[in-house]
Each structure stands twice: as structure tokens, then as C-alpha cells.
N, C-alpha and C. Protein backbone atom coordinates (compact mmCIF):
# COMPACT_ATOMS: atom_id res chain seq x y z
N MET A 1 141.88 77.94 257.56
CA MET A 1 141.92 76.88 258.56
C MET A 1 142.57 75.63 257.97
N TYR A 2 143.47 75.06 258.72
CA TYR A 2 144.12 73.81 258.35
C TYR A 2 143.45 72.67 259.12
N ILE A 3 143.42 71.50 258.50
CA ILE A 3 142.89 70.30 259.15
C ILE A 3 144.05 69.60 259.84
N ILE A 4 143.86 69.21 261.09
CA ILE A 4 144.89 68.52 261.86
C ILE A 4 144.66 67.02 261.77
N THR A 5 145.69 66.27 261.34
CA THR A 5 145.62 64.81 261.33
C THR A 5 146.80 64.27 262.14
N PHE A 6 146.65 63.07 262.63
CA PHE A 6 147.69 62.42 263.43
C PHE A 6 148.14 61.15 262.76
N LYS A 7 149.44 60.93 262.75
CA LYS A 7 149.96 59.61 262.41
C LYS A 7 149.60 58.74 263.61
N LYS A 8 149.24 57.49 263.38
CA LYS A 8 148.78 56.62 264.45
C LYS A 8 149.79 56.52 265.60
N SER A 9 151.07 56.43 265.27
CA SER A 9 152.10 56.33 266.31
C SER A 9 152.19 57.62 267.13
N ALA A 10 151.97 58.77 266.50
CA ALA A 10 152.02 60.04 267.22
C ALA A 10 150.87 60.14 268.21
N GLU A 11 149.72 59.64 267.83
CA GLU A 11 148.56 59.65 268.72
C GLU A 11 148.83 58.79 269.96
N LYS A 12 149.45 57.63 269.75
CA LYS A 12 149.81 56.76 270.88
C LYS A 12 150.83 57.44 271.79
N GLU A 13 151.82 58.10 271.18
CA GLU A 13 152.84 58.80 271.96
C GLU A 13 152.21 59.89 272.82
N LEU A 14 151.26 60.60 272.25
CA LEU A 14 150.60 61.69 272.98
C LEU A 14 149.87 61.17 274.20
N PHE A 15 149.12 60.10 274.06
CA PHE A 15 148.30 59.62 275.16
C PHE A 15 149.10 58.85 276.22
N ARG A 16 150.38 58.60 275.99
CA ARG A 16 151.25 58.01 277.01
C ARG A 16 151.82 59.07 277.95
N LEU A 17 151.67 60.34 277.61
CA LEU A 17 152.24 61.42 278.42
C LEU A 17 151.34 61.73 279.61
N PRO A 18 151.89 62.44 280.63
CA PRO A 18 151.06 62.85 281.78
C PRO A 18 149.92 63.77 281.34
N ASN A 19 148.80 63.72 282.06
CA ASN A 19 147.60 64.48 281.70
C ASN A 19 147.86 65.98 281.60
N GLN A 20 148.65 66.53 282.51
CA GLN A 20 148.92 67.96 282.48
C GLN A 20 149.66 68.35 281.20
N ILE A 21 150.57 67.52 280.76
CA ILE A 21 151.32 67.79 279.53
C ILE A 21 150.41 67.62 278.31
N ILE A 22 149.53 66.63 278.35
CA ILE A 22 148.60 66.41 277.23
C ILE A 22 147.76 67.67 277.00
N LYS A 23 147.30 68.31 278.06
CA LYS A 23 146.49 69.53 277.91
C LYS A 23 147.28 70.63 277.24
N ARG A 24 148.54 70.83 277.65
CA ARG A 24 149.36 71.88 277.05
C ARG A 24 149.65 71.59 275.58
N ILE A 25 149.96 70.33 275.28
CA ILE A 25 150.27 69.96 273.90
C ILE A 25 149.02 70.05 273.02
N SER A 26 147.87 69.63 273.55
CA SER A 26 146.62 69.71 272.78
C SER A 26 146.28 71.15 272.43
N TYR A 27 146.52 72.05 273.37
CA TYR A 27 146.27 73.47 273.12
C TYR A 27 147.18 73.98 271.99
N ALA A 28 148.44 73.56 272.01
CA ALA A 28 149.38 73.97 270.96
C ALA A 28 148.99 73.39 269.61
N ILE A 29 148.56 72.13 269.60
CA ILE A 29 148.14 71.48 268.35
C ILE A 29 146.91 72.17 267.78
N ASP A 30 145.96 72.56 268.64
CA ASP A 30 144.78 73.29 268.17
C ASP A 30 145.18 74.60 267.50
N GLY A 31 146.20 75.25 268.03
CA GLY A 31 146.68 76.50 267.45
C GLY A 31 147.27 76.32 266.06
N LEU A 32 147.75 75.13 265.76
CA LEU A 32 148.32 74.87 264.43
C LEU A 32 147.28 74.93 263.33
N SER A 33 146.01 74.73 263.67
CA SER A 33 144.97 74.81 262.65
C SER A 33 144.81 76.25 262.15
N GLU A 34 145.09 77.22 263.00
CA GLU A 34 145.01 78.63 262.59
C GLU A 34 146.31 79.09 261.92
N ASN A 35 147.44 78.71 262.53
CA ASN A 35 148.75 79.14 262.04
C ASN A 35 149.71 77.96 262.13
N PRO A 36 150.00 77.27 261.03
CA PRO A 36 150.85 76.09 261.09
C PRO A 36 152.34 76.40 261.33
N ARG A 37 152.71 77.65 261.25
CA ARG A 37 154.10 78.04 261.52
C ARG A 37 154.12 79.19 262.53
N PRO A 38 153.76 78.88 263.78
CA PRO A 38 153.69 79.94 264.79
C PRO A 38 155.08 80.46 265.16
N LEU A 39 155.11 81.54 265.90
CA LEU A 39 156.36 82.09 266.39
C LEU A 39 157.08 81.03 267.22
N GLY A 40 158.33 80.78 266.91
CA GLY A 40 159.09 79.76 267.62
C GLY A 40 159.15 78.42 266.90
N ALA A 41 158.36 78.23 265.85
CA ALA A 41 158.41 76.99 265.08
C ALA A 41 159.69 76.99 264.25
N LYS A 42 160.32 75.84 264.14
CA LYS A 42 161.55 75.74 263.35
C LYS A 42 161.43 74.61 262.35
N LYS A 43 161.98 74.86 261.19
CA LYS A 43 162.02 73.84 260.15
C LYS A 43 163.19 72.92 260.45
N LEU A 44 162.96 71.61 260.40
CA LEU A 44 164.02 70.65 260.65
C LEU A 44 164.86 70.48 259.40
N GLU A 45 166.16 70.48 259.59
CA GLU A 45 167.08 70.33 258.47
C GLU A 45 167.47 68.88 258.32
N GLY A 46 167.91 68.51 257.13
CA GLY A 46 168.39 67.16 256.88
C GLY A 46 167.29 66.14 256.67
N GLN A 47 166.10 66.59 256.41
CA GLN A 47 164.97 65.69 256.19
C GLN A 47 164.63 65.69 254.70
N LYS A 48 164.09 64.57 254.21
CA LYS A 48 163.67 64.50 252.82
C LYS A 48 162.47 65.38 252.56
N GLU A 49 161.59 65.49 253.57
CA GLU A 49 160.42 66.34 253.41
C GLU A 49 160.48 67.49 254.40
N SER A 50 159.63 68.43 254.23
CA SER A 50 159.64 69.64 255.02
C SER A 50 158.93 69.43 256.36
N LEU A 51 159.69 69.06 257.39
CA LEU A 51 159.12 68.86 258.72
C LEU A 51 159.40 70.07 259.59
N TRP A 52 158.47 70.35 260.48
CA TRP A 52 158.57 71.46 261.41
C TRP A 52 158.48 70.94 262.83
N ARG A 53 158.96 71.75 263.78
CA ARG A 53 158.81 71.37 265.18
C ARG A 53 158.47 72.60 266.01
N ILE A 54 157.66 72.37 267.04
CA ILE A 54 157.39 73.40 268.03
C ILE A 54 157.70 72.83 269.41
N ARG A 55 158.08 73.73 270.31
CA ARG A 55 158.43 73.36 271.67
C ARG A 55 157.28 73.67 272.61
N ILE A 56 157.06 72.77 273.56
CA ILE A 56 156.15 72.99 274.68
C ILE A 56 156.91 72.54 275.91
N GLY A 57 157.66 73.45 276.53
CA GLY A 57 158.52 73.08 277.64
C GLY A 57 159.59 72.12 277.17
N ASP A 58 159.70 70.96 277.82
CA ASP A 58 160.68 69.95 277.44
C ASP A 58 160.15 68.99 276.39
N TYR A 59 158.97 69.24 275.86
CA TYR A 59 158.34 68.35 274.89
C TYR A 59 158.34 68.99 273.51
N ARG A 60 158.32 68.15 272.50
CA ARG A 60 158.36 68.62 271.12
C ARG A 60 157.24 67.97 270.31
N ILE A 61 156.75 68.73 269.32
CA ILE A 61 155.78 68.22 268.35
C ILE A 61 156.45 68.35 266.99
N ILE A 62 156.59 67.25 266.29
CA ILE A 62 157.15 67.23 264.93
C ILE A 62 155.97 67.04 263.98
N TYR A 63 155.87 67.90 262.97
CA TYR A 63 154.72 67.83 262.07
C TYR A 63 155.09 68.24 260.66
N PHE A 64 154.22 67.87 259.73
CA PHE A 64 154.36 68.15 258.31
C PHE A 64 153.21 69.06 257.88
N VAL A 65 153.51 70.07 257.07
CA VAL A 65 152.48 71.00 256.60
C VAL A 65 152.32 70.85 255.09
N GLU A 66 151.09 70.62 254.66
CA GLU A 66 150.76 70.58 253.24
C GLU A 66 149.88 71.80 252.95
N ASP A 67 150.50 72.85 252.38
CA ASP A 67 149.79 74.11 252.18
C ASP A 67 148.75 74.05 251.08
N VAL A 68 148.96 73.24 250.08
CA VAL A 68 148.05 73.20 248.94
C VAL A 68 146.66 72.70 249.37
N ILE A 69 146.63 71.63 250.18
CA ILE A 69 145.34 71.07 250.60
C ILE A 69 145.02 71.40 252.06
N LYS A 70 145.84 72.27 252.68
CA LYS A 70 145.60 72.79 254.03
C LYS A 70 145.48 71.69 255.09
N ILE A 71 146.54 70.87 255.19
CA ILE A 71 146.58 69.80 256.19
C ILE A 71 147.87 69.92 256.99
N VAL A 72 147.75 69.73 258.30
CA VAL A 72 148.90 69.61 259.19
C VAL A 72 148.86 68.19 259.75
N GLU A 73 149.91 67.40 259.47
CA GLU A 73 149.96 66.03 259.97
C GLU A 73 150.98 65.95 261.10
N ILE A 74 150.52 65.58 262.28
CA ILE A 74 151.38 65.41 263.44
C ILE A 74 152.10 64.08 263.29
N ARG A 75 153.44 64.11 263.25
CA ARG A 75 154.23 62.91 263.03
C ARG A 75 154.77 62.31 264.33
N LYS A 76 155.25 63.15 265.25
CA LYS A 76 155.82 62.67 266.51
C LYS A 76 155.49 63.64 267.63
N VAL A 77 155.31 63.08 268.83
CA VAL A 77 155.10 63.88 270.03
C VAL A 77 155.91 63.22 271.13
N GLY A 78 156.72 63.99 271.85
CA GLY A 78 157.47 63.37 272.92
C GLY A 78 158.45 64.29 273.59
N HIS A 79 159.16 63.74 274.57
CA HIS A 79 160.16 64.48 275.31
C HIS A 79 161.36 64.76 274.40
N ARG A 80 162.01 65.86 274.65
CA ARG A 80 163.11 66.30 273.76
C ARG A 80 164.26 65.31 273.70
N LYS A 81 164.48 64.53 274.77
CA LYS A 81 165.60 63.57 274.76
C LYS A 81 165.32 62.37 273.85
N ASP A 82 164.05 62.10 273.55
CA ASP A 82 163.68 60.92 272.75
C ASP A 82 163.19 61.24 271.35
N ILE A 83 162.77 62.44 271.11
CA ILE A 83 161.99 62.76 269.90
C ILE A 83 162.80 62.68 268.62
N TYR A 84 164.09 62.97 268.65
CA TYR A 84 164.89 63.03 267.41
C TYR A 84 165.56 61.72 267.05
N LYS A 85 165.33 60.67 267.83
CA LYS A 85 165.97 59.37 267.56
C LYS A 85 165.24 58.61 266.49
């Protein structure tokens, strides 16, 4: 089991989304505690650290996985048009 943590800005981004989307994203985030690299997860290239992303419809979750201490840190949550800026 991995521990899920949120960067403060990611938590704010999540709660600004519509309630229906929050439920879908929360379910996906809960799944990261069991498997931090689920089917469909992609490693982001061109980053200094190893960031991953998963898709939930038009929304994306960007996160960092620390395997040694079993932590998944959610870095960004948002619509695909805004998330990579």
C-alpha cells in the first residue's frame, strides 16, 4: 500500500472542479494507493524528476511516485488544456 499525499495547490485545483468530476478523480486517486502505475499511466518526459500522469476523461492527474518509502504525491489536477502549462 502506498500513502497518498497532495501538494497544497493540487488539493485546491481538485476542489474547484465540478462535483461529478471530483468523484471520478477521487476514485482514481484511491486506486493509486494499490497500484501507482495503473494501466494507461504514462511517464512524463522532459522532467527533472519522474512524474506520471493518468487520464480521467478530459482531466489529468500528475503525480510523483517514491517507491522506497511508498508515497504517491499528487502534484496537479486539472483539465487537459490547462494541466501542462
